């Protein structure tokens, strides 16, 4: 599992800019129960950063705090 303290040095300036614009950023792979791409993103409502994987056919991410 990737933890927030591990990816601090891995985020480039370009990726930080994408986060500020509200886009998701690919961080790395995790094996839960199969190989899964993990993304860092910022909720537009809560203004909080989250690590999560894409869900469903449309590949969406929902905020665990506000549900949006």
PDB file of N, CA and C in Angstrom:
ATOM      1  N   UNK A   1       0.844  -1.187   0.000  1.00  0.00           N
ATOM      2  CA  UNK A   1       0.000   0.000   0.000  1.00  0.00           C
ATOM      3  C   UNK A   1       0.883   1.243   0.000  1.00  0.00           C
ATOM      4  N   UNK A   2       0.491   2.236  -0.742  1.00  0.00           N
ATOM      5  CA  UNK A   2       1.229   3.490  -0.802  1.00  0.00           C
ATOM      6  C   UNK A   2       0.662   4.424   0.268  1.00  0.00           C
ATOM      7  N   UNK A   3       1.529   5.007   1.057  1.00  0.00           N
ATOM      8  CA  UNK A   3       1.103   5.923   2.109  1.00  0.00           C
ATOM      9  C   UNK A   3       1.541   7.347   1.764  1.00  0.00           C
ATOM     10  N   UNK A   4       0.845   8.357   2.266  1.00  0.00           N
ATOM     11  CA  UNK A   4       1.179   9.741   1.919  1.00  0.00           C
ATOM     12  C   UNK A   4       2.632  10.133   2.179  1.00  0.00           C
ATOM     13  N   UNK A   5       3.246   9.602   3.193  1.00  0.00           N
ATOM     14  CA  UNK A   5       4.636   9.964   3.481  1.00  0.00           C
ATOM     15  C   UNK A   5       5.601   9.426   2.425  1.00  0.00           C
ATOM     16  N   UNK A   6       5.210   8.382   1.691  1.00  0.00           N
ATOM     17  CA  UNK A   6       6.089   7.771   0.706  1.00  0.00           C
ATOM     18  C   UNK A   6       6.143   8.541  -0.605  1.00  0.00           C
ATOM     19  N   UNK A   7       5.091   9.224  -0.974  1.00  0.00           N
ATOM     20  CA  UNK A   7       5.067   9.851  -2.290  1.00  0.00           C
ATOM     21  C   UNK A   7       5.436  11.325  -2.267  1.00  0.00           C
ATOM     22  N   UNK A   8       5.858  11.830  -1.148  1.00  0.00           N
ATOM     23  CA  UNK A   8       6.180  13.254  -1.030  1.00  0.00           C
ATOM     24  C   UNK A   8       7.257  13.671  -2.038  1.00  0.00           C
ATOM     25  N   UNK A   9       8.296  12.893  -2.194  1.00  0.00           N
ATOM     26  CA  UNK A   9       9.378  13.231  -3.111  1.00  0.00           C
ATOM     27  C   UNK A   9       9.059  12.853  -4.556  1.00  0.00           C
ATOM     28  N   UNK A  10       8.088  12.023  -4.787  1.00  0.00           N
ATOM     29  CA  UNK A  10       7.811  11.521  -6.123  1.00  0.00           C
ATOM     30  C   UNK A  10       6.969  12.472  -6.978  1.00  0.00           C
ATOM     31  N   UNK A  11       6.328  13.461  -6.383  1.00  0.00           N
ATOM     32  CA  UNK A  11       5.435  14.334  -7.134  1.00  0.00           C
ATOM     33  C   UNK A  11       6.231  15.466  -7.765  1.00  0.00           C
ATOM     34  N   UNK A  12       6.185  15.516  -9.092  1.00  0.00           N
ATOM     35  CA  UNK A  12       6.913  16.557  -9.808  1.00  0.00           C
ATOM     36  C   UNK A  12       6.110  17.857  -9.806  1.00  0.00           C
ATOM     37  N   UNK A  13       6.734  18.899 -10.280  1.00  0.00           N
ATOM     38  CA  UNK A  13       6.085  20.199 -10.359  1.00  0.00           C
ATOM     39  C   UNK A  13       4.867  20.140 -11.268  1.00  0.00           C
ATOM     40  N   UNK A  14       4.986  19.431 -12.390  1.00  0.00           N
ATOM     41  CA  UNK A  14       3.874  19.293 -13.327  1.00  0.00           C
ATOM     42  C   UNK A  14       2.681  18.592 -12.681  1.00  0.00           C
ATOM     43  N   UNK A  15       2.950  17.546 -11.903  1.00  0.00           N
ATOM     44  CA  UNK A  15       1.872  16.827 -11.228  1.00  0.00           C
ATOM     45  C   UNK A  15       1.218  17.689 -10.147  1.00  0.00           C
ATOM     46  N   UNK A  16       2.010  18.479  -9.440  1.00  0.00           N
ATOM     47  CA  UNK A  16       1.440  19.380  -8.433  1.00  0.00           C
ATOM     48  C   UNK A  16       0.556  20.439  -9.079  1.00  0.00           C
ATOM     49  N   UNK A  17       0.949  20.893 -10.258  1.00  0.00           N
ATOM     50  CA  UNK A  17       0.130  21.848 -10.994  1.00  0.00           C
ATOM     51  C   UNK A  17      -1.193  21.218 -11.417  1.00  0.00           C
ATOM     52  N   UNK A  18      -1.144  19.975 -11.874  1.00  0.00           N
ATOM     53  CA  UNK A  18      -2.376  19.263 -12.246  1.00  0.00           C
ATOM     54  C   UNK A  18      -3.310  19.119 -11.046  1.00  0.00           C
ATOM     55  N   UNK A  19      -2.738  18.851  -9.866  1.00  0.00           N
ATOM     56  CA  UNK A  19      -3.548  18.739  -8.649  1.00  0.00           C
ATOM     57  C   UNK A  19      -4.238  20.056  -8.322  1.00  0.00           C
ATOM     58  N   UNK A  20      -3.535  21.156  -8.470  1.00  0.00           N
ATOM     59  CA  UNK A  20      -4.114  22.472  -8.201  1.00  0.00           C
ATOM     60  C   UNK A  20      -5.249  22.787  -9.161  1.00  0.00           C
ATOM     61  N   UNK A  21      -5.175  22.252 -10.378  1.00  0.00           N
ATOM     62  CA  UNK A  21      -6.223  22.476 -11.371  1.00  0.00           C
ATOM     63  C   UNK A  21      -7.411  21.531 -11.182  1.00  0.00           C
ATOM     64  N   UNK A  22      -7.312  20.628 -10.221  1.00  0.00           N
ATOM     65  CA  UNK A  22      -8.417  19.723  -9.926  1.00  0.00           C
ATOM     66  C   UNK A  22      -8.377  18.412 -10.674  1.00  0.00           C
ATOM     67  N   UNK A  23      -7.242  18.063 -11.258  1.00  0.00           N
ATOM     68  CA  UNK A  23      -7.115  16.806 -11.986  1.00  0.00           C
ATOM     69  C   UNK A  23      -6.495  15.744 -11.090  1.00  0.00           C
ATOM     70  N   UNK A  24      -6.763  14.495 -11.389  1.00  0.00           N
ATOM     71  CA  UNK A  24      -6.156  13.405 -10.619  1.00  0.00           C
ATOM     72  C   UNK A  24      -4.766  13.119 -11.159  1.00  0.00           C
ATOM     73  N   UNK A  25      -3.885  12.638 -10.281  1.00  0.00           N
ATOM     74  CA  UNK A  25      -2.496  12.378 -10.631  1.00  0.00           C
ATOM     75  C   UNK A  25      -2.160  10.939 -10.289  1.00  0.00           C
ATOM     76  N   UNK A  26      -1.598  10.216 -11.261  1.00  0.00           N
ATOM     77  CA  UNK A  26      -1.182   8.831 -11.043  1.00  0.00           C
ATOM     78  C   UNK A  26       0.036   8.810 -10.119  1.00  0.00           C
ATOM     79  N   UNK A  27      -0.050   8.002  -9.062  1.00  0.00           N
ATOM     80  CA  UNK A  27       1.016   7.912  -8.071  1.00  0.00           C
ATOM     81  C   UNK A  27       1.814   6.618  -8.212  1.00  0.00           C
ATOM     82  N   UNK A  28       1.115   5.503  -8.348  1.00  0.00           N
ATOM     83  CA  UNK A  28       1.807   4.224  -8.436  1.00  0.00           C
ATOM     84  C   UNK A  28       0.815   3.080  -8.451  1.00  0.00           C
ATOM     85  N   UNK A  29       1.330   1.873  -8.335  1.00  0.00           N
ATOM     86  CA  UNK A  29       0.500   0.672  -8.341  1.00  0.00           C
ATOM     87  C   UNK A  29       0.440   0.060  -6.958  1.00  0.00           C
ATOM     88  N   UNK A  30      -0.679  -0.588  -6.688  1.00  0.00           N
ATOM     89  CA  UNK A  30      -0.870  -1.320  -5.444  1.00  0.00           C
ATOM     90  C   UNK A  30      -1.470  -2.667  -5.814  1.00  0.00           C
ATOM     91  N   UNK A  31      -1.365  -3.636  -4.956  1.00  0.00           N
ATOM     92  CA  UNK A  31      -1.886  -4.960  -5.223  1.00  0.00           C
ATOM     93  C   UNK A  31      -2.996  -5.276  -4.226  1.00  0.00           C
ATOM     94  N   UNK A  32      -4.221  -4.834  -4.523  1.00  0.00           N
ATOM     95  CA  UNK A  32      -5.385  -5.015  -3.648  1.00  0.00           C
ATOM     96  C   UNK A  32      -6.556  -5.598  -4.423  1.00  0.00           C
ATOM     97  N   UNK A  33      -6.908  -6.722  -4.540  1.00  0.00           N
ATOM     98  CA  UNK A  33      -6.223  -8.025  -4.580  1.00  0.00           C
ATOM     99  C   UNK A  33      -5.484  -8.262  -5.882  1.00  0.00           C
ATOM    100  N   UNK A  34      -5.613  -7.353  -6.843  1.00  0.00           N
ATOM    101  CA  UNK A  34      -4.841  -7.447  -8.079  1.00  0.00           C
ATOM    102  C   UNK A  34      -4.151  -6.098  -8.295  1.00  0.00           C
ATOM    103  N   UNK A  35      -3.333  -6.010  -9.328  1.00  0.00           N
ATOM    104  CA  UNK A  35      -2.616  -4.772  -9.598  1.00  0.00           C
ATOM    105  C   UNK A  35      -3.611  -3.646  -9.893  1.00  0.00           C
ATOM    106  N   UNK A  36      -3.536  -2.571  -9.123  1.00  0.00           N
ATOM    107  CA  UNK A  36      -4.468  -1.449  -9.224  1.00  0.00           C
ATOM    108  C   UNK A  36      -3.687  -0.145  -9.266  1.00  0.00           C
ATOM    109  N   UNK A  37      -4.100   0.759 -10.150  1.00  0.00           N
ATOM    110  CA  UNK A  37      -3.451   2.073 -10.259  1.00  0.00           C
ATOM    111  C   UNK A  37      -4.006   2.990  -9.177  1.00  0.00           C
ATOM    112  N   UNK A  38      -3.118   3.622  -8.408  1.00  0.00           N
ATOM    113  CA  UNK A  38      -3.504   4.509  -7.323  1.00  0.00           C
ATOM    114  C   UNK A  38      -3.298   5.961  -7.771  1.00  0.00           C
ATOM    115  N   UNK A  39      -4.289   6.804  -7.472  1.00  0.00           N
ATOM    116  CA  UNK A  39      -4.257   8.206  -7.862  1.00  0.00           C
ATOM    117  C   UNK A  39      -4.352   9.105  -6.637  1.00  0.00           C
ATOM    118  N   UNK A  40      -3.734  10.255  -6.735  1.00  0.00           N
ATOM    119  CA  UNK A  40      -3.876  11.317  -5.748  1.00  0.00           C
ATOM    120  C   UNK A  40      -4.782  12.361  -6.373  1.00  0.00           C
ATOM    121  N   UNK A  41      -5.744  12.840  -5.613  1.00  0.00           N
ATOM    122  CA  UNK A  41      -6.658  13.856  -6.132  1.00  0.00           C
ATOM    123  C   UNK A  41      -7.149  14.729  -4.996  1.00  0.00           C
ATOM    124  N   UNK A  42      -7.673  15.880  -5.346  1.00  0.00           N
ATOM    125  CA  UNK A  42      -8.160  16.837  -4.361  1.00  0.00           C
ATOM    126  C   UNK A  42      -9.655  17.034  -4.574  1.00  0.00           C
ATOM    127  N   UNK A  43     -10.427  16.857  -3.509  1.00  0.00           N
ATOM    128  CA  UNK A  43     -11.873  17.047  -3.576  1.00  0.00           C
ATOM    129  C   UNK A  43     -12.164  18.537  -3.727  1.00  0.00           C
ATOM    130  N   UNK A  44     -13.002  18.890  -4.686  1.00  0.00           N
ATOM    131  CA  UNK A  44     -13.336  20.292  -4.932  1.00  0.00           C
ATOM    132  C   UNK A  44     -14.184  20.874  -3.810  1.00  0.00           C
ATOM    133  N   UNK A  45     -14.966  20.043  -3.139  1.00  0.00           N
ATOM    134  CA  UNK A  45     -15.840  20.515  -2.068  1.00  0.00           C
ATOM    135  C   UNK A  45     -15.098  20.629  -0.739  1.00  0.00           C
ATOM    136  N   UNK A  46     -14.416  19.564  -0.343  1.00  0.00           N
ATOM    137  CA  UNK A  46     -13.730  19.506   0.961  1.00  0.00           C
ATOM    138  C   UNK A  46     -12.359  20.175   0.967  1.00  0.00           C
ATOM    139  N   UNK A  47     -11.742  20.283  -0.215  1.00  0.00           N
ATOM    140  CA  UNK A  47     -10.366  20.808  -0.339  1.00  0.00           C
ATOM    141  C   UNK A  47      -9.364  19.917   0.395  1.00  0.00           C
ATOM    142  N   UNK A  48      -9.623  18.608   0.380  1.00  0.00           N
ATOM    143  CA  UNK A  48      -8.767  17.635   1.036  1.00  0.00           C
ATOM    144  C   UNK A  48      -8.173  16.694  -0.006  1.00  0.00           C
ATOM    145  N   UNK A  49      -6.921  16.275   0.186  1.00  0.00           N
ATOM    146  CA  UNK A  49      -6.256  15.361  -0.732  1.00  0.00           C
ATOM    147  C   UNK A  49      -6.517  13.914  -0.318  1.00  0.00           C
ATOM    148  N   UNK A  50      -6.708  13.042  -1.315  1.00  0.00           N
ATOM    149  CA  UNK A  50      -6.973  11.626  -1.060  1.00  0.00           C
ATOM    150  C   UNK A  50      -6.189  10.754  -2.015  1.00  0.00           C
ATOM    151  N   UNK A  51      -5.837   9.572  -1.544  1.00  0.00           N
ATOM    152  CA  UNK A  51      -5.287   8.506  -2.378  1.00  0.00           C
ATOM    153  C   UNK A  51      -6.405   7.512  -2.613  1.00  0.00           C
ATOM    154  N   UNK A  52      -6.644   7.160  -3.864  1.00  0.00           N
ATOM    155  CA  UNK A  52      -7.722   6.212  -4.153  1.00  0.00           C
ATOM    156  C   UNK A  52      -7.511   5.623  -5.538  1.00  0.00           C
ATOM    157  N   UNK A  53      -8.303   4.627  -5.864  1.00  0.00           N
ATOM    158  CA  UNK A  53      -8.262   4.019  -7.188  1.00  0.00           C
ATOM    159  C   UNK A  53      -9.559   4.354  -7.915  1.00  0.00           C
ATOM    160  N   UNK A  54      -9.533   4.227  -9.248  1.00  0.00           N
ATOM    161  CA  UNK A  54     -10.702   4.544 -10.060  1.00  0.00           C
ATOM    162  C   UNK A  54     -11.733   3.439  -9.931  1.00  0.00           C
ATOM    163  N   UNK A  55     -13.015   3.824  -9.923  1.00  0.00           N
ATOM    164  CA  UNK A  55     -14.099   2.863  -9.763  1.00  0.00           C
ATOM    165  C   UNK A  55     -14.998   2.859 -10.989  1.00  0.00           C
ATOM    166  N   UNK A  56     -15.594   1.710 -11.236  1.00  0.00           N
ATOM    167  CA  UNK A  56     -16.607   1.588 -12.265  1.00  0.00           C
ATOM    168  C   UNK A  56     -16.096   1.672 -13.688  1.00  0.00           C
ATOM    169  N   UNK A  57     -17.034   1.519 -14.617  1.00  0.00           N
ATOM    170  CA  UNK A  57     -16.712   1.539 -16.041  1.00  0.00           C
ATOM    171  C   UNK A  57     -16.268   2.936 -16.478  1.00  0.00           C
ATOM    172  N   UNK A  58     -16.865   3.967 -15.882  1.00  0.00           N
ATOM    173  CA  UNK A  58     -16.533   5.348 -16.242  1.00  0.00           C
ATOM    174  C   UNK A  58     -15.306   5.878 -15.510  1.00  0.00           C
ATOM    175  N   UNK A  59     -14.725   5.066 -14.661  1.00  0.00           N
ATOM    176  CA  UNK A  59     -13.518   5.406 -13.909  1.00  0.00           C
ATOM    177  C   UNK A  59     -13.674   6.713 -13.133  1.00  0.00           C
ATOM    178  N   UNK A  60     -14.532   6.689 -12.150  1.00  0.00           N
ATOM    179  CA  UNK A  60     -14.781   7.864 -11.321  1.00  0.00           C
ATOM    180  C   UNK A  60     -14.197   7.677  -9.928  1.00  0.00           C
ATOM    181  N   UNK A  61     -14.029   8.796  -9.229  1.00  0.00           N
ATOM    182  CA  UNK A  61     -13.538   8.786  -7.847  1.00  0.00           C
ATOM    183  C   UNK A  61     -14.549   9.566  -7.013  1.00  0.00           C
ATOM    184  N   UNK A  62     -14.930   9.011  -5.876  1.00  0.00           N
ATOM    185  CA  UNK A  62     -15.822   9.726  -4.971  1.00  0.00           C
ATOM    186  C   UNK A  62     -15.081  10.065  -3.680  1.00  0.00           C
ATOM    187  N   UNK A  63     -15.437  11.178  -3.117  1.00  0.00           N
ATOM    188  CA  UNK A  63     -14.813  11.628  -1.881  1.00  0.00           C
ATOM    189  C   UNK A  63     -15.368  10.817  -0.700  1.00  0.00           C
ATOM    190  N   UNK A  64     -14.500  10.227   0.128  1.00  0.00           N
ATOM    191  CA  UNK A  64     -14.993   9.466   1.274  1.00  0.00           C
ATOM    192  C   UNK A  64     -15.601  10.359   2.368  1.00  0.00           C
ATOM    193  N   UNK A  65     -15.302  11.633   2.326  1.00  0.00           N
ATOM    194  CA  UNK A  65     -15.791  12.551   3.344  1.00  0.00           C
ATOM    195  C   UNK A  65     -17.167  13.134   3.000  1.00  0.00           C
ATOM    196  N   UNK A  66     -17.313  13.677   1.785  1.00  0.00           N
ATOM    197  CA  UNK A  66     -18.572  14.339   1.421  1.00  0.00           C
ATOM    198  C   UNK A  66     -19.395  13.551   0.410  1.00  0.00           C
ATOM    199  N   UNK A  67     -18.807  12.543  -0.248  1.00  0.00           N
ATOM    200  CA  UNK A  67     -19.535  11.709  -1.178  1.00  0.00           C
ATOM    201  C   UNK A  67     -19.691  12.289  -2.575  1.00  0.00           C
ATOM    202  N   UNK A  68     -19.006  13.374  -2.879  1.00  0.00           N
ATOM    203  CA  UNK A  68     -19.121  13.988  -4.212  1.00  0.00           C
ATOM    204  C   UNK A  68     -17.941  13.661  -5.073  1.00  0.00           C
TER     205      UNK A  68
END
